[in-house]
Amino acid sequence: MTTTPMLQPLPELVPQLKRLRLSGLLETLPQRHRQAVESQLSYAEFLALLIQDELGRREQKKFAQRIRRAGFRSQKTLADFDFSHNPKINQAYLLDLASCRFVEEKVAVLIAGPCGTGKSHLAQALGHEAARRDYDVLFTTPRRLHAQLQAARATHTYDRRFLALTRVPLLIIDDFALTPFEHPADEDFHELIAERYERAATIITSNLDFAEWGSAFPNRLLGAATLDRLRHAAYTVVLDGDSYRCLNPTSKAKKSPLEKEPKTP
């Protein structure tokens, strides 16, 4: 059985494709040419395959850029989320959130639960899904947010930085209320939430119960106004149970050489 030889691009084709910013076509051109010959594809069908390849490459490149700009701590996805660890979790509800309808609705997703129950994982997984759907995402913490805004104040770029934060379609703020706000961080946070209210989606995670979130604000009135906007039409997720870190054998800390194994009865 004879095989169709692989096509080598014409020498003059390489610079032409580069000028058109289509040099990625060179990666699959030999395989697509062989497929076209063996399947007796028309010129239009052959061209359609090349265009599909180019669109796929561009979409993958854009997705990789969105993930990089998001600043995730790790590449957490819903496929990695261990639903069996906590049978109380409403899996259907979380999968519905993964449709990212909340981003279109421009509302918040509020996630609360003890340390190690998967809050950050879930928040990043939802951010990952949003990035797949062509939304820009930013992952941060209150401390990092405050540091960036303070640095922007020092360089007289506060307005530009603040505007960028208000416009990102999905802002994820991890570990909210881990420590109480100090001035002017509380006012900055309030202004940010107020500007994003009904204009963009926000995900917030916290170790505190929802009723305790107000304790993060020295000015309780300011805190009430901030949380009122966050809670309006928000989706809420409560995680409980033991920490994943305690149960995951791969994440256990190594024992000291001086530490003795417990005796068995």
C-alpha atoms as a PDB file:
ATOM      1  CA  MET A   1       0.000   0.000   0.000  1.00  0.00           C
ATOM      2  CA  THR A   2       1.453   3.344  -1.024  1.00  0.00           C
ATOM      3  CA  THR A   3       1.344   6.322   1.252  1.00  0.00           C
ATOM      4  CA  THR A   4       0.920   9.912   0.248  1.00  0.00           C
ATOM      5  CA  PRO A   5       4.139  11.883   0.769  1.00  0.00           C
ATOM      6  CA  MET A   6       4.028  14.702   3.277  1.00  0.00           C
ATOM      7  CA  LEU A   7       3.910  18.161   1.731  1.00  0.00           C
ATOM      8  CA  GLN A   8       6.790  20.473   2.542  1.00  0.00           C
ATOM      9  CA  PRO A   9       5.750  24.146   2.415  1.00  0.00           C
ATOM     10  CA  LEU A  10       7.087  26.143  -0.508  1.00  0.00           C
ATOM     11  CA  PRO A  11      10.039  28.296   0.605  1.00  0.00           C
ATOM     12  CA  GLU A  12       8.269  31.520  -0.338  1.00  0.00           C
ATOM     13  CA  LEU A  13       5.191  30.479   1.668  1.00  0.00           C
ATOM     14  CA  VAL A  14       6.917  30.824   5.050  1.00  0.00           C
ATOM     15  CA  PRO A  15       7.618  34.601   4.954  1.00  0.00           C
ATOM     16  CA  GLN A  16       4.215  35.236   3.390  1.00  0.00           C
ATOM     17  CA  LEU A  17       2.406  33.426   6.183  1.00  0.00           C
ATOM     18  CA  LYS A  18       4.519  35.263   8.750  1.00  0.00           C
ATOM     19  CA  ARG A  19       3.584  38.621   7.234  1.00  0.00           C
ATOM     20  CA  LEU A  20      -0.063  37.616   7.465  1.00  0.00           C
ATOM     21  CA  ARG A  21       0.528  36.356  11.034  1.00  0.00           C
ATOM     22  CA  LEU A  22      -0.529  32.890   9.918  1.00  0.00           C
ATOM     23  CA  SER A  23       2.753  31.040  10.438  1.00  0.00           C
ATOM     24  CA  GLY A  24       0.939  28.674  12.814  1.00  0.00           C
ATOM     25  CA  LEU A  25      -0.570  27.038   9.738  1.00  0.00           C
ATOM     26  CA  LEU A  26       2.843  25.543   9.022  1.00  0.00           C
ATOM     27  CA  GLU A  27       2.429  23.249  12.037  1.00  0.00           C
ATOM     28  CA  THR A  28      -0.473  21.305  10.551  1.00  0.00           C
ATOM     29  CA  LEU A  29      -0.164  22.022   6.837  1.00  0.00           C
ATOM     30  CA  PRO A  30       1.630  18.737   5.960  1.00  0.00           C
ATOM     31  CA  GLN A  31      -0.894  16.613   7.875  1.00  0.00           C
ATOM     32  CA  ARG A  32      -3.876  18.493   6.444  1.00  0.00           C
ATOM     33  CA  HIS A  33      -2.494  18.187   2.908  1.00  0.00           C
ATOM     34  CA  ARG A  34      -2.152  14.443   3.335  1.00  0.00           C
ATOM     35  CA  GLN A  35      -5.688  14.247   4.736  1.00  0.00           C
ATOM     36  CA  ALA A  36      -7.025  16.251   1.798  1.00  0.00           C
ATOM     37  CA  VAL A  37      -5.365  13.995  -0.754  1.00  0.00           C
ATOM     38  CA  GLU A  38      -6.361  10.722   0.912  1.00  0.00           C
ATOM     39  CA  SER A  39      -9.954  11.856   1.520  1.00  0.00           C
ATOM     40  CA  GLN A  40     -10.212  13.642  -1.836  1.00  0.00           C
ATOM     41  CA  LEU A  41     -11.292  16.884  -0.188  1.00  0.00           C
ATOM     42  CA  SER A  42     -12.186  19.897  -2.281  1.00  0.00           C
ATOM     43  CA  TYR A  43     -10.066  23.034  -2.110  1.00  0.00           C
ATOM     44  CA  ALA A  44     -12.751  24.696   0.011  1.00  0.00           C
ATOM     45  CA  GLU A  45     -12.816  21.786   2.477  1.00  0.00           C
ATOM     46  CA  PHE A  46      -9.013  21.805   2.693  1.00  0.00           C
ATOM     47  CA  LEU A  47      -9.042  25.542   3.379  1.00  0.00           C
ATOM     48  CA  ALA A  48     -11.759  25.098   6.032  1.00  0.00           C
ATOM     49  CA  LEU A  49      -9.569  22.606   7.899  1.00  0.00           C
ATOM     50  CA  LEU A  50      -6.624  25.009   7.916  1.00  0.00           C
ATOM     51  CA  ILE A  51      -8.828  27.840   9.160  1.00  0.00           C
ATOM     52  CA  GLN A  52     -10.210  25.632  11.949  1.00  0.00           C
ATOM     53  CA  ASP A  53      -6.662  24.797  13.014  1.00  0.00           C
ATOM     54  CA  GLU A  54      -5.694  28.468  13.090  1.00  0.00           C
ATOM     55  CA  LEU A  55      -8.787  29.445  15.079  1.00  0.00           C
ATOM     56  CA  GLY A  56      -8.063  26.670  17.564  1.00  0.00           C
ATOM     57  CA  ARG A  57      -4.472  27.836  18.033  1.00  0.00           C
ATOM     58  CA  ARG A  58      -5.538  31.442  18.542  1.00  0.00           C
ATOM     59  CA  GLU A  59      -8.220  30.509  21.054  1.00  0.00           C
ATOM     60  CA  GLN A  60      -5.761  28.368  22.994  1.00  0.00           C
ATOM     61  CA  LYS A  61      -3.230  31.204  23.004  1.00  0.00           C
ATOM     62  CA  LYS A  62      -5.824  33.700  24.246  1.00  0.00           C
ATOM     63  CA  PHE A  63      -6.916  31.266  26.951  1.00  0.00           C
ATOM     64  CA  ALA A  64      -3.328  30.769  28.118  1.00  0.00           C
ATOM     65  CA  GLN A  65      -2.872  34.547  28.286  1.00  0.00           C
ATOM     66  CA  ARG A  66      -6.064  34.983  30.332  1.00  0.00           C
ATOM     67  CA  ILE A  67      -4.940  32.288  32.761  1.00  0.00           C
ATOM     68  CA  ARG A  68      -1.525  33.922  33.121  1.00  0.00           C
ATOM     69  CA  ARG A  69      -3.003  37.384  33.702  1.00  0.00           C
ATOM     70  CA  ALA A  70      -5.485  35.984  36.241  1.00  0.00           C
ATOM     71  CA  GLY A  71      -2.693  35.278  38.712  1.00  0.00           C
ATOM     72  CA  PHE A  72      -4.110  32.021  40.062  1.00  0.00           C
ATOM     73  CA  ARG A  73      -2.116  30.344  42.811  1.00  0.00           C
ATOM     74  CA  SER A  74      -2.434  27.013  41.017  1.00  0.00           C
ATOM     75  CA  GLN A  75      -4.286  25.442  38.132  1.00  0.00           C
ATOM     76  CA  LYS A  76      -7.343  24.222  40.038  1.00  0.00           C
ATOM     77  CA  THR A  77     -10.340  22.978  38.075  1.00  0.00           C
ATOM     78  CA  LEU A  78     -13.695  21.446  38.962  1.00  0.00           C
ATOM     79  CA  ALA A  79     -12.444  18.156  37.544  1.00  0.00           C
ATOM     80  CA  ASP A  80      -9.887  18.121  40.386  1.00  0.00           C
ATOM     81  CA  PHE A  81     -12.430  18.981  43.083  1.00  0.00           C
ATOM     82  CA  ASP A  82     -13.103  16.045  45.404  1.00  0.00           C
ATOM     83  CA  PHE A  83     -16.876  16.091  45.831  1.00  0.00           C
ATOM     84  CA  SER A  84     -16.755  12.779  47.691  1.00  0.00           C
ATOM     85  CA  HIS A  85     -14.839  14.372  50.568  1.00  0.00           C
ATOM     86  CA  ASN A  86     -17.949  16.244  51.664  1.00  0.00           C
ATOM     87  CA  PRO A  87     -21.181  14.523  50.605  1.00  0.00           C
ATOM     88  CA  LYS A  88     -23.206  17.523  51.804  1.00  0.00           C
ATOM     89  CA  ILE A  89     -21.936  19.639  48.900  1.00  0.00           C
ATOM     90  CA  ASN A  90     -24.592  20.249  46.274  1.00  0.00           C
ATOM     91  CA  GLN A  91     -22.634  19.141  43.209  1.00  0.00           C
ATOM     92  CA  ALA A  92     -25.383  20.140  40.790  1.00  0.00           C
ATOM     93  CA  TYR A  93     -25.405  23.645  42.262  1.00  0.00           C
ATOM     94  CA  LEU A  94     -21.644  24.033  41.823  1.00  0.00           C
ATOM     95  CA  LEU A  95     -21.757  22.693  38.277  1.00  0.00           C
ATOM     96  CA  ASP A  96     -24.476  25.219  37.533  1.00  0.00           C
ATOM     97  CA  LEU A  97     -22.201  27.974  38.854  1.00  0.00           C
ATOM     98  CA  ALA A  98     -19.524  26.651  36.497  1.00  0.00           C
ATOM     99  CA  SER A  99     -21.750  27.671  33.594  1.00  0.00           C
ATOM    100  CA  CYS A 100     -20.666  31.202  34.591  1.00  0.00           C
ATOM    101  CA  ARG A 101     -24.164  32.566  34.311  1.00  0.00           C
ATOM    102  CA  PHE A 102     -23.360  34.643  37.383  1.00  0.00           C
ATOM    103  CA  VAL A 103     -20.745  36.511  35.343  1.00  0.00           C
ATOM    104  CA  GLU A 104     -23.394  37.504  32.839  1.00  0.00           C
ATOM    105  CA  GLU A 105     -25.739  38.409  35.696  1.00  0.00           C
ATOM    106  CA  LYS A 106     -22.966  40.562  37.236  1.00  0.00           C
ATOM    107  CA  VAL A 107     -23.552  39.274  40.749  1.00  0.00           C
ATOM    108  CA  ALA A 108     -21.332  37.851  43.483  1.00  0.00           C
ATOM    109  CA  VAL A 109     -20.549  34.299  44.530  1.00  0.00           C
ATOM    110  CA  LEU A 110     -19.820  34.178  48.275  1.00  0.00           C
ATOM    111  CA  ILE A 111     -17.998  31.094  49.577  1.00  0.00           C
ATOM    112  CA  ALA A 112     -17.562  30.461  53.301  1.00  0.00           C
ATOM    113  CA  GLY A 113     -16.105  27.585  55.286  1.00  0.00           C
ATOM    114  CA  PRO A 114     -13.272  26.475  57.581  1.00  0.00           C
ATOM    115  CA  CYS A 115      -9.660  26.225  56.464  1.00  0.00           C
ATOM    116  CA  GLY A 116      -8.884  23.478  54.011  1.00  0.00           C
ATOM    117  CA  THR A 117     -12.435  22.723  52.875  1.00  0.00           C
ATOM    118  CA  GLY A 118     -11.822  23.768  49.270  1.00  0.00           C
ATOM    119  CA  LYS A 119     -12.858  27.440  49.121  1.00  0.00           C
ATOM    120  CA  SER A 120      -9.818  28.665  47.200  1.00  0.00           C
ATOM    121  CA  HIS A 121      -9.909  25.597  44.960  1.00  0.00           C
ATOM    122  CA  LEU A 122     -13.543  26.206  44.091  1.00  0.00           C
ATOM    123  CA  ALA A 123     -13.025  29.940  43.507  1.00  0.00           C
ATOM    124  CA  GLN A 124     -10.090  29.304  41.168  1.00  0.00           C
ATOM    125  CA  ALA A 125     -12.001  26.522  39.395  1.00  0.00           C
ATOM    126  CA  LEU A 126     -14.864  28.918  38.672  1.00  0.00           C
ATOM    127  CA  GLY A 127     -12.322  31.475  37.485  1.00  0.00           C
ATOM    128  CA  HIS A 128     -10.777  28.858  35.226  1.00  0.00           C
ATOM    129  CA  GLU A 129     -14.190  28.137  33.692  1.00  0.00           C
ATOM    130  CA  ALA A 130     -14.802  31.860  33.185  1.00  0.00           C
ATOM    131  CA  ALA A 131     -11.469  32.195  31.380  1.00  0.00           C
ATOM    132  CA  ARG A 132     -12.489  29.353  29.077  1.00  0.00           C
ATOM    133  CA  ARG A 133     -15.571  31.364  28.205  1.00  0.00           C
ATOM    134  CA  ASP A 134     -13.480  34.358  27.143  1.00  0.00           C
ATOM    135  CA  TYR A 135     -13.891  36.390  30.347  1.00  0.00           C
ATOM    136  CA  ASP A 136     -10.918  38.184  31.844  1.00  0.00           C
ATOM    137  CA  VAL A 137     -10.336  37.121  35.448  1.00  0.00           C
ATOM    138  CA  LEU A 138      -8.186  38.463  38.296  1.00  0.00           C
ATOM    139  CA  PHE A 139      -7.375  36.459  41.421  1.00  0.00           C
ATOM    140  CA  THR A 140      -6.152  38.371  44.465  1.00  0.00           C
ATOM    141  CA  THR A 141      -6.381  38.725  48.257  1.00  0.00           C
ATOM    142  CA  PRO A 142      -7.358  41.739  50.389  1.00  0.00           C
ATOM    143  CA  ARG A 143      -3.741  42.201  51.477  1.00  0.00           C
ATOM    144  CA  ARG A 144      -2.415  42.085  47.912  1.00  0.00           C
ATOM    145  CA  LEU A 145      -5.211  44.354  46.744  1.00  0.00           C
ATOM    146  CA  HIS A 146      -4.360  46.941  49.375  1.00  0.00           C
ATOM    147  CA  ALA A 147      -0.636  46.746  48.598  1.00  0.00           C
ATOM    148  CA  GLN A 148      -1.259  47.308  44.894  1.00  0.00           C
ATOM    149  CA  LEU A 149      -3.528  50.294  45.498  1.00  0.00           C
ATOM    150  CA  GLN A 150      -1.062  51.805  47.965  1.00  0.00           C
ATOM    151  CA  ALA A 151       1.740  51.388  45.444  1.00  0.00           C
ATOM    152  CA  ALA A 152      -0.462  53.025  42.817  1.00  0.00           C
ATOM    153  CA  ARG A 153      -1.057  55.968  45.154  1.00  0.00           C
ATOM    154  CA  ALA A 154       2.685  56.393  45.593  1.00  0.00           C
ATOM    155  CA  THR A 155       3.225  56.483  41.820  1.00  0.00           C
ATOM    156  CA  HIS A 156       0.153  58.640  41.095  1.00  0.00           C
ATOM    157  CA  THR A 157      -1.497  55.841  39.099  1.00  0.00           C
ATOM    158  CA  TYR A 158      -4.249  55.062  41.591  1.00  0.00           C
ATOM    159  CA  ASP A 159      -7.132  56.108  39.335  1.00  0.00           C
ATOM    160  CA  ARG A 160      -5.897  53.969  36.461  1.00  0.00           C
ATOM    161  CA  ARG A 161      -5.322  50.927  38.670  1.00  0.00           C
ATOM    162  CA  PHE A 162      -8.670  51.328  40.417  1.00  0.00           C
ATOM    163  CA  LEU A 163     -10.468  51.648  37.084  1.00  0.00           C
ATOM    164  CA  ALA A 164      -8.860  48.426  35.854  1.00  0.00           C
ATOM    165  CA  LEU A 165     -10.081  46.621  38.978  1.00  0.00           C
ATOM    166  CA  THR A 166     -13.614  47.867  38.507  1.00  0.00           C
ATOM    167  CA  ARG A 167     -13.738  46.761  34.876  1.00  0.00           C
ATOM    168  CA  VAL A 168     -12.392  43.193  35.041  1.00  0.00           C
ATOM    169  CA  PRO A 169     -15.408  40.929  34.348  1.00  0.00           C
ATOM    170  CA  LEU A 170     -14.590  38.540  37.209  1.00  0.00           C
ATOM    171  CA  LEU A 171     -12.653  39.579  40.303  1.00  0.00           C
ATOM    172  CA  ILE A 172     -11.827  36.826  42.820  1.00  0.00           C
ATOM    173  CA  ILE A 173     -10.885  37.945  46.341  1.00  0.00           C
ATOM    174  CA  ASP A 174      -9.561  35.063  48.412  1.00  0.00           C
ATOM    175  CA  ASP A 175      -9.315  34.919  52.243  1.00  0.00           C
ATOM    176  CA  PHE A 176     -11.579  37.881  52.944  1.00  0.00           C
ATOM    177  CA  ALA A 177     -11.610  39.005  56.618  1.00  0.00           C
ATOM    178  CA  LEU A 178      -8.589  36.876  57.498  1.00  0.00           C
ATOM    179  CA  THR A 179      -7.434  40.012  59.314  1.00  0.00           C
ATOM    180  CA  PRO A 180      -9.458  43.196  59.934  1.00  0.00           C
ATOM    181  CA  PHE A 181      -9.107  46.061  57.481  1.00  0.00           C
ATOM    182  CA  GLU A 182      -7.016  49.083  58.363  1.00  0.00           C
ATOM    183  CA  HIS A 183      -7.608  52.547  56.983  1.00  0.00           C
ATOM    184  CA  PRO A 184      -7.650  53.282  54.036  1.00  0.00           C
ATOM    185  CA  ALA A 185      -7.999  49.633  52.971  1.00  0.00           C
ATOM    186  CA  ASP A 186     -11.584  49.493  54.254  1.00  0.00           C
ATOM    187  CA  GLU A 187     -12.621  52.538  52.215  1.00  0.00           C
ATOM    188  CA  ASP A 188     -10.802  51.249  49.126  1.00  0.00           C
ATOM    189  CA  PHE A 189     -12.581  47.905  49.420  1.00  0.00           C
ATOM    190  CA  HIS A 190     -15.955  49.595  49.849  1.00  0.00           C
ATOM    191  CA  GLU A 191     -15.404  51.841  46.837  1.00  0.00           C
ATOM    192  CA  LEU A 192     -14.315  48.892  44.718  1.00  0.00           C
ATOM    193  CA  ILE A 193     -17.382  46.822  45.613  1.00  0.00           C
ATOM    194  CA  ALA A 194     -19.647  49.840  45.135  1.00  0.00           C
ATOM    195  CA  GLU A 195     -18.239  50.518  41.661  1.00  0.00           C
ATOM    196  CA  ARG A 196     -18.522  46.854  40.640  1.00  0.00           C
ATOM    197  CA  TYR A 197     -22.053  46.509  42.019  1.00  0.00           C
ATOM    198  CA  GLU A 198     -24.378  45.391  39.197  1.00  0.00           C
ATOM    199  CA  ARG A 199     -21.558  46.055  36.709  1.00  0.00           C
ATOM    200  CA  ALA A 200     -19.261  43.042  37.149  1.00  0.00           C
ATOM    201  CA  ALA A 201     -19.099  39.701  38.942  1.00  0.00           C
ATOM    202  CA  THR A 202     -17.097  39.049  42.098  1.00  0.00           C
ATOM    203  CA  ILE A 203     -16.172  35.862  43.961  1.00  0.00           C
ATOM    204  CA  ILE A 204     -15.201  36.165  47.629  1.00  0.00           C
ATOM    205  CA  THR A 205     -14.014  33.399  49.943  1.00  0.00           C
ATOM    206  CA  SER A 206     -13.730  33.593  53.721  1.00  0.00           C
ATOM    207  CA  ASN A 207     -13.070  31.387  56.736  1.00  0.00           C
ATOM    208  CA  LEU A 208     -15.769  33.285  58.636  1.00  0.00           C
ATOM    209  CA  ASP A 209     -19.488  32.627  58.599  1.00  0.00           C
ATOM    210  CA  PHE A 210     -21.409  35.161  56.526  1.00  0.00           C
ATOM    211  CA  ALA A 211     -22.817  36.749  59.704  1.00  0.00           C
ATOM    212  CA  GLU A 212     -19.262  37.531  60.865  1.00  0.00           C
ATOM    213  CA  TRP A 213     -18.030  39.267  57.714  1.00  0.00           C
ATOM    214  CA  GLY A 214     -18.902  42.684  59.100  1.00  0.00           C
ATOM    215  CA  SER A 215     -16.238  42.263  61.791  1.00  0.00           C
ATOM    216  CA  ALA A 216     -13.578  42.921  59.131  1.00  0.00           C
ATOM    217  CA  PHE A 217     -14.568  46.603  59.028  1.00  0.00           C
ATOM    218  CA  PRO A 218     -13.568  49.021  61.818  1.00  0.00           C
ATOM    219  CA  ASN A 219     -16.439  51.221  60.616  1.00  0.00           C
ATOM    220  CA  ARG A 220     -19.483  48.993  60.968  1.00  0.00           C
ATOM    221  CA  LEU A 221     -21.658  51.334  58.911  1.00  0.00           C
ATOM    222  CA  LEU A 222     -19.176  51.145  56.036  1.00  0.00           C
ATOM    223  CA  GLY A 223     -19.073  47.372  56.388  1.00  0.00           C
ATOM    224  CA  ALA A 224     -22.864  47.095  56.314  1.00  0.00           C
ATOM    225  CA  ALA A 225     -23.045  49.191  53.132  1.00  0.00           C
ATOM    226  CA  THR A 226     -20.342  47.069  51.479  1.00  0.00           C
ATOM    227  CA  LEU A 227     -21.817  43.718  52.409  1.00  0.00           C
ATOM    228  CA  ASP A 228     -25.312  44.818  51.461  1.00  0.00           C
ATOM    229  CA  ARG A 229     -24.127  45.305  47.883  1.00  0.00           C
ATOM    230  CA  LEU A 230     -22.232  42.009  47.856  1.00  0.00           C
ATOM    231  CA  ARG A 231     -25.140  39.981  49.185  1.00  0.00           C
ATOM    232  CA  HIS A 232     -27.731  41.390  46.817  1.00  0.00           C
ATOM    233  CA  ALA A 233     -28.756  38.567  44.433  1.00  0.00           C
ATOM    234  CA  ALA A 234     -25.533  36.714  45.317  1.00  0.00           C
ATOM    235  CA  TYR A 235     -25.019  32.978  45.069  1.00  0.00           C
ATOM    236  CA  THR A 236     -23.781  31.490  48.340  1.00  0.00           C
ATOM    237  CA  VAL A 237     -21.760  28.355  48.996  1.00  0.00           C
ATOM    238  CA  VAL A 238     -21.062  26.972  52.471  1.00  0.00           C
ATOM    239  CA  LEU A 239     -18.342  24.337  52.811  1.00  0.00           C
ATOM    240  CA  ASP A 240     -17.755  22.405  56.002  1.00  0.00           C
ATOM    241  CA  GLY A 241     -16.101  19.233  57.229  1.00  0.00           C
ATOM    242  CA  ASP A 242     -12.474  18.319  57.793  1.00  0.00           C
ATOM    243  CA  SER A 243      -9.587  19.890  55.951  1.00  0.00           C
ATOM    244  CA  TYR A 244      -8.510  18.282  52.686  1.00  0.00           C
ATOM    245  CA  ARG A 245      -4.912  18.930  53.686  1.00  0.00           C
ATOM    246  CA  CYS A 246      -5.204  16.733  56.763  1.00  0.00           C
ATOM    247  CA  LEU A 247      -6.669  13.846  54.798  1.00  0.00           C
ATOM    248  CA  ASN A 248      -4.458  14.030  51.710  1.00  0.00           C
ATOM    249  CA  PRO A 249      -1.463  11.681  52.247  1.00  0.00           C
ATOM    250  CA  THR A 250       0.642  13.587  49.720  1.00  0.00           C
ATOM    251  CA  SER A 251       0.337  16.816  51.695  1.00  0.00           C
ATOM    252  CA  LYS A 252       1.265  15.487  55.142  1.00  0.00           C
ATOM    253  CA  ALA A 253       4.286  17.103  56.710  1.00  0.00           C
ATOM    254  CA  LYS A 254       7.365  14.921  57.041  1.00  0.00           C
ATOM    255  CA  LYS A 255       8.081  13.669  60.515  1.00  0.00           C
ATOM    256  CA  SER A 256      11.149  14.713  62.385  1.00  0.00           C
ATOM    257  CA  PRO A 257      13.785  11.985  62.753  1.00  0.00           C
ATOM    258  CA  LEU A 258      13.301  12.327  66.522  1.00  0.00           C
ATOM    259  CA  GLU A 259       9.546  11.791  66.298  1.00  0.00           C
ATOM    260  CA  LYS A 260       8.590   8.271  67.282  1.00  0.00           C
ATOM    261  CA  GLU A 261       5.845   6.277  65.644  1.00  0.00           C
ATOM    262  CA  PRO A 262       2.844   5.796  67.919  1.00  0.00           C
ATOM    263  CA  LYS A 263       2.654   2.441  69.586  1.00  0.00           C
ATOM    264  CA  THR A 264       0.006   0.056  68.468  1.00  0.00           C
ATOM    265  CA  PRO A 265      -1.960  -1.810  71.114  1.00  0.00           C
END
